[in-house]
């Protein structure tokens, strides 16, 4: 009997061993173990400001039996207008780019809602307290960005509709980007018709309010630079409202 091993046989055996080692290595690389939650982070953005918040730096709570972080805890970004968080809409964006307002019928979250929302530490999924009765599209999977967007509430006798500034066309007034107040109202109610003799009220977040006739209201704008209202011609200091929160329609 010949004890020598055929070279071809040796080559085949070596190849088989190499393949087995490679497969074993792949098995380790493709582990099904869940990611370490301490490695998760979320970006919080406002205009050109971007802050990354690491889960490892946050204080978890228990929500419906799972570890979670309050969404409001991520919102410590310094905003203008004296950090009035109620002046902003909050867009919860998944890693795939999805957010609720991709359907215009679903507004971004309000500050009141944000305080009742959580991100699960196991997967970054957004969950909400049941009392809010939010639609399923607000339960965004794998959230990676929370975006703050300036908004206004349009208040009528029967309803309140939030309008974000990016849904309204801008115009240049005295070399400054502005939004016309009547255009904000038209986003909330496309059937809106200005009554030049009626009274329109602009209310700030601090409770200050000023009334305008329809004719005056038609000359009003909100400046993206000063973050105040302005009128042409100028109607005096009381018309330059900072922290505009709502427009009340008769």
Protein backbone atom coordinates (compact mmCIF):
# COMPACT_ATOMS: atom_id res chain seq x y z
CA UNK A 1 0.00 0.00 0.00
CA UNK A 2 1.38 3.42 -0.95
CA UNK A 3 1.49 5.77 2.09
CA UNK A 4 2.14 8.85 -0.03
CA UNK A 5 -0.72 11.33 -0.44
CA UNK A 6 -1.52 12.42 -3.95
CA UNK A 7 -0.72 16.16 -4.43
CA UNK A 8 -4.18 16.74 -5.89
CA UNK A 9 -5.75 15.19 -2.80
CA UNK A 10 -3.65 17.47 -0.60
CA UNK A 11 -4.81 20.52 -2.57
CA UNK A 12 -8.46 19.53 -2.24
CA UNK A 13 -8.17 18.95 1.51
CA UNK A 14 -6.41 22.31 1.97
CA UNK A 15 -9.09 24.10 0.01
CA UNK A 16 -11.86 22.52 2.10
CA UNK A 17 -10.14 23.57 5.34
CA UNK A 18 -9.70 27.15 4.08
CA UNK A 19 -13.38 27.39 3.13
CA UNK A 20 -14.45 26.10 6.54
CA UNK A 21 -12.27 28.66 8.31
CA UNK A 22 -13.67 31.46 6.13
CA UNK A 23 -17.25 30.40 6.83
CA UNK A 24 -16.57 30.28 10.55
CA UNK A 25 -15.20 33.80 10.39
CA UNK A 26 -18.25 35.04 8.50
CA UNK A 27 -20.47 33.53 11.13
CA UNK A 28 -18.78 35.65 13.77
CA UNK A 29 -19.02 38.84 11.69
CA UNK A 30 -22.76 38.36 11.07
CA UNK A 31 -23.71 37.91 14.70
CA UNK A 32 -27.43 38.29 15.36
CA UNK A 33 -26.76 39.85 18.75
CA UNK A 34 -28.57 43.21 19.12
CA UNK A 35 -26.41 46.35 18.94
CA UNK A 36 -25.07 47.81 22.15
CA UNK A 37 -27.61 50.50 23.06
CA UNK A 38 -24.80 52.65 24.46
CA UNK A 39 -23.58 53.10 20.87
CA UNK A 40 -26.86 54.74 19.76
CA UNK A 41 -27.12 58.49 19.25
CA UNK A 42 -29.61 60.97 17.82
CA UNK A 43 -29.01 64.25 15.99
CA UNK A 44 -31.01 67.28 17.13
CA UNK A 45 -31.14 70.06 14.53
CA UNK A 46 -32.37 73.64 14.34
CA UNK A 47 -31.61 75.62 11.19
CA UNK A 48 -27.85 75.10 10.71
CA UNK A 49 -27.19 73.97 14.30
CA UNK A 50 -26.65 70.22 14.74
CA UNK A 51 -26.05 68.51 18.08
CA UNK A 52 -25.41 64.79 18.52
CA UNK A 53 -26.88 63.28 21.68
CA UNK A 54 -25.47 59.93 22.82
CA UNK A 55 -27.79 57.47 24.53
CA UNK A 56 -24.97 56.65 26.95
CA UNK A 57 -25.18 60.21 28.30
CA UNK A 58 -28.96 60.10 28.85
CA UNK A 59 -30.98 58.93 31.83
CA UNK A 60 -33.27 56.01 30.90
CA UNK A 61 -36.75 55.45 32.29
CA UNK A 62 -39.14 52.52 32.04
CA UNK A 63 -42.00 52.85 29.56
CA UNK A 64 -44.46 49.97 29.31
CA UNK A 65 -41.83 47.55 30.60
CA UNK A 66 -39.01 48.67 28.30
CA UNK A 67 -36.02 50.93 28.81
CA UNK A 68 -36.54 54.24 27.08
CA UNK A 69 -35.41 57.87 27.04
CA UNK A 70 -37.86 60.75 27.07
CA UNK A 71 -37.73 62.56 23.73
CA UNK A 72 -37.92 65.90 25.55
CA UNK A 73 -34.61 65.04 27.27
CA UNK A 74 -32.88 65.23 23.88
CA UNK A 75 -34.19 68.76 23.29
CA UNK A 76 -31.68 70.89 25.13
CA UNK A 77 -30.54 72.61 21.95
CA UNK A 78 -30.37 76.38 22.43
CA UNK A 79 -33.14 77.96 20.38
CA UNK A 80 -33.70 81.61 19.71
CA UNK A 81 -36.60 83.58 21.15
CA UNK A 82 -35.70 82.73 24.76
CA UNK A 83 -35.86 78.96 24.38
CA UNK A 84 -39.63 78.93 23.89
CA UNK A 85 -39.97 75.33 22.85
CA UNK A 86 -43.72 75.64 22.25
CA UNK A 87 -42.94 77.84 19.23
CA UNK A 88 -41.53 74.87 17.34
CA UNK A 89 -42.76 71.76 15.61
CA UNK A 90 -40.75 68.59 16.19
CA UNK A 91 -40.02 66.33 13.24
CA UNK A 92 -39.10 62.79 14.28
CA UNK A 93 -37.12 61.31 11.38
CA UNK A 94 -36.15 57.66 10.93
CA UNK A 95 -32.84 56.46 9.50
CA UNK A 96 -34.71 55.72 6.25
CA UNK A 97 -35.85 59.36 5.98
CA UNK A 98 -39.47 58.68 6.98
CA UNK A 99 -41.43 61.11 9.18
CA UNK A 100 -45.14 61.64 9.84
CA UNK A 101 -45.47 64.91 7.89
CA UNK A 102 -44.45 63.24 4.63
CA UNK A 103 -48.24 63.10 4.43
CA UNK A 104 -49.34 66.77 4.78
CA UNK A 105 -52.44 65.66 6.69
CA UNK A 106 -50.24 64.68 9.64
CA UNK A 107 -48.48 67.64 11.28
CA UNK A 108 -45.14 67.32 13.02
CA UNK A 109 -45.31 66.77 16.76
CA UNK A 110 -46.04 69.63 19.14
CA UNK A 111 -44.01 70.37 22.26
CA UNK A 112 -46.88 69.04 24.38
CA UNK A 113 -46.71 65.72 22.52
CA UNK A 114 -42.93 65.56 22.67
CA UNK A 115 -43.11 65.57 26.46
CA UNK A 116 -45.17 62.36 26.26
CA UNK A 117 -42.92 60.54 23.79
CA UNK A 118 -39.98 58.17 24.21
CA UNK A 119 -37.20 56.50 22.23
CA UNK A 120 -36.65 52.85 23.13
CA UNK A 121 -33.02 52.23 24.02
CA UNK A 122 -33.00 48.81 22.32
CA UNK A 123 -33.77 50.09 18.81
CA UNK A 124 -34.38 53.89 18.80
CA UNK A 125 -38.07 53.38 17.94
CA UNK A 126 -40.38 56.27 18.87
CA UNK A 127 -43.29 55.36 21.14
CA UNK A 128 -45.97 57.56 22.70
CA UNK A 129 -48.29 57.56 25.66
CA UNK A 130 -51.63 56.07 24.65
CA UNK A 131 -53.60 59.09 25.87
CA UNK A 132 -52.29 61.05 22.86
CA UNK A 133 -54.07 58.66 20.48
CA UNK A 134 -51.50 59.32 17.76
CA UNK A 135 -51.72 57.60 14.38
CA UNK A 136 -49.34 54.72 13.68
CA UNK A 137 -47.17 56.82 11.35
CA UNK A 138 -45.93 58.78 14.39
CA UNK A 139 -44.37 55.58 15.77
CA UNK A 140 -41.22 56.06 13.70
CA UNK A 141 -38.69 53.21 13.63
CA UNK A 142 -34.97 53.72 14.25
CA UNK A 143 -35.06 57.47 14.84
CA UNK A 144 -31.80 59.21 14.01
CA UNK A 145 -32.84 62.88 13.81
CA UNK A 146 -35.12 65.23 15.72
CA UNK A 147 -35.60 68.46 13.79
CA UNK A 148 -37.03 71.66 15.26
CA UNK A 149 -39.03 73.82 12.83
CA UNK A 150 -40.58 77.21 13.65
CA UNK A 151 -44.37 77.07 13.54
CA UNK A 152 -47.47 79.20 14.15
CA UNK A 153 -50.94 78.25 15.35
CA UNK A 154 -53.83 79.54 13.27
CA UNK A 155 -56.83 79.80 15.58
CA UNK A 156 -60.43 80.08 14.41
CA UNK A 157 -63.67 79.81 16.36
CA UNK A 158 -63.75 76.07 15.75
CA UNK A 159 -60.19 74.84 15.27
CA UNK A 160 -56.45 75.34 15.78
CA UNK A 161 -54.12 74.43 12.92
CA UNK A 162 -50.30 74.47 13.20
CA UNK A 163 -48.36 75.76 10.20
CA UNK A 164 -44.58 75.33 9.85
CA UNK A 165 -42.56 77.99 8.07
CA UNK A 166 -41.13 75.63 5.47
CA UNK A 167 -44.64 75.02 4.14
CA UNK A 168 -44.99 78.74 3.32
CA UNK A 169 -43.31 80.57 0.44
CA UNK A 170 -40.85 83.29 1.40
CA UNK A 171 -40.59 86.77 -0.10
CA UNK A 172 -37.89 89.43 0.05
CA UNK A 173 -39.00 92.55 1.91
CA UNK A 174 -36.44 95.33 2.24
CA UNK A 175 -33.71 92.79 1.41
CA UNK A 176 -34.88 90.48 4.19
CA UNK A 177 -36.48 87.05 3.80
CA UNK A 178 -40.00 87.16 5.19
CA UNK A 179 -43.25 85.23 5.22
CA UNK A 180 -46.49 87.08 4.54
CA UNK A 181 -48.96 86.61 7.40
CA UNK A 182 -51.94 86.04 5.11
CA UNK A 183 -49.99 83.25 3.36
CA UNK A 184 -49.56 81.47 6.69
CA UNK A 185 -53.32 81.58 7.18
CA UNK A 186 -53.92 80.28 3.65
CA UNK A 187 -51.85 77.16 4.38
CA UNK A 188 -54.13 76.42 7.33
CA UNK A 189 -57.30 77.30 5.40
CA UNK A 190 -57.03 77.43 1.59
CA UNK A 191 -60.56 78.93 1.52
CA UNK A 192 -59.53 81.93 3.64
CA UNK A 193 -60.70 85.30 2.37
CA UNK A 194 -59.42 88.48 3.96
CA UNK A 195 -62.05 90.76 5.50
CA UNK A 196 -60.51 94.23 5.49
CA UNK A 197 -62.93 95.46 8.18
CA UNK A 198 -62.52 92.53 10.58
CA UNK A 199 -60.10 92.31 13.51
CA UNK A 200 -57.14 89.92 13.42
CA UNK A 201 -55.12 89.24 16.56
CA UNK A 202 -51.44 88.35 16.80
CA UNK A 203 -50.48 86.71 20.09
CA UNK A 204 -46.98 86.12 21.46
CA UNK A 205 -45.91 83.21 23.63
CA UNK A 206 -45.60 85.52 26.65
CA UNK A 207 -49.29 86.44 26.39
CA UNK A 208 -48.81 89.82 24.69
CA UNK A 209 -51.30 90.41 21.87
CA UNK A 210 -52.14 93.14 19.39
CA UNK A 211 -55.21 93.61 17.21
CA UNK A 212 -55.06 94.67 13.58
CA UNK A 213 -57.71 95.55 11.05
CA UNK A 214 -57.89 93.35 8.00
CA UNK A 215 -56.29 96.10 5.93
CA UNK A 216 -53.37 96.31 8.36
CA UNK A 217 -53.06 92.54 8.66
CA UNK A 218 -52.72 92.32 4.88
CA UNK A 219 -49.49 94.34 5.09
CA UNK A 220 -47.91 92.13 7.77
CA UNK A 221 -44.93 89.77 7.53
CA UNK A 222 -42.79 87.59 9.78
CA UNK A 223 -39.04 88.03 9.33
CA UNK A 224 -36.84 84.94 9.16
CA UNK A 225 -33.94 87.15 10.25
CA UNK A 226 -35.26 89.19 13.19
CA UNK A 227 -37.85 86.53 14.16
CA UNK A 228 -40.35 89.37 14.60
CA UNK A 229 -43.40 90.62 12.74
CA UNK A 230 -43.10 93.70 10.57
CA UNK A 231 -45.60 95.81 8.66
CA UNK A 232 -45.32 98.05 5.62
CA UNK A 233 -45.69 100.86 6.36
CA UNK A 234 -44.41 100.40 9.92
CA UNK A 235 -47.20 100.46 12.51
CA UNK A 236 -45.02 101.18 15.54
CA UNK A 237 -43.25 99.19 18.23
CA UNK A 238 -46.29 97.19 19.34
CA UNK A 239 -46.57 95.72 15.84
CA UNK A 240 -43.04 94.26 15.95
CA UNK A 241 -43.95 91.14 17.90
CA UNK A 242 -41.25 88.78 19.14
CA UNK A 243 -42.13 85.17 19.87
CA UNK A 244 -45.26 85.15 17.70
CA UNK A 245 -47.19 82.04 18.66
CA UNK A 246 -50.63 82.36 17.10
CA UNK A 247 -52.80 84.24 14.64
CA UNK A 248 -56.42 84.49 15.70
CA UNK A 249 -58.90 84.70 12.83
CA UNK A 250 -62.39 86.17 13.40
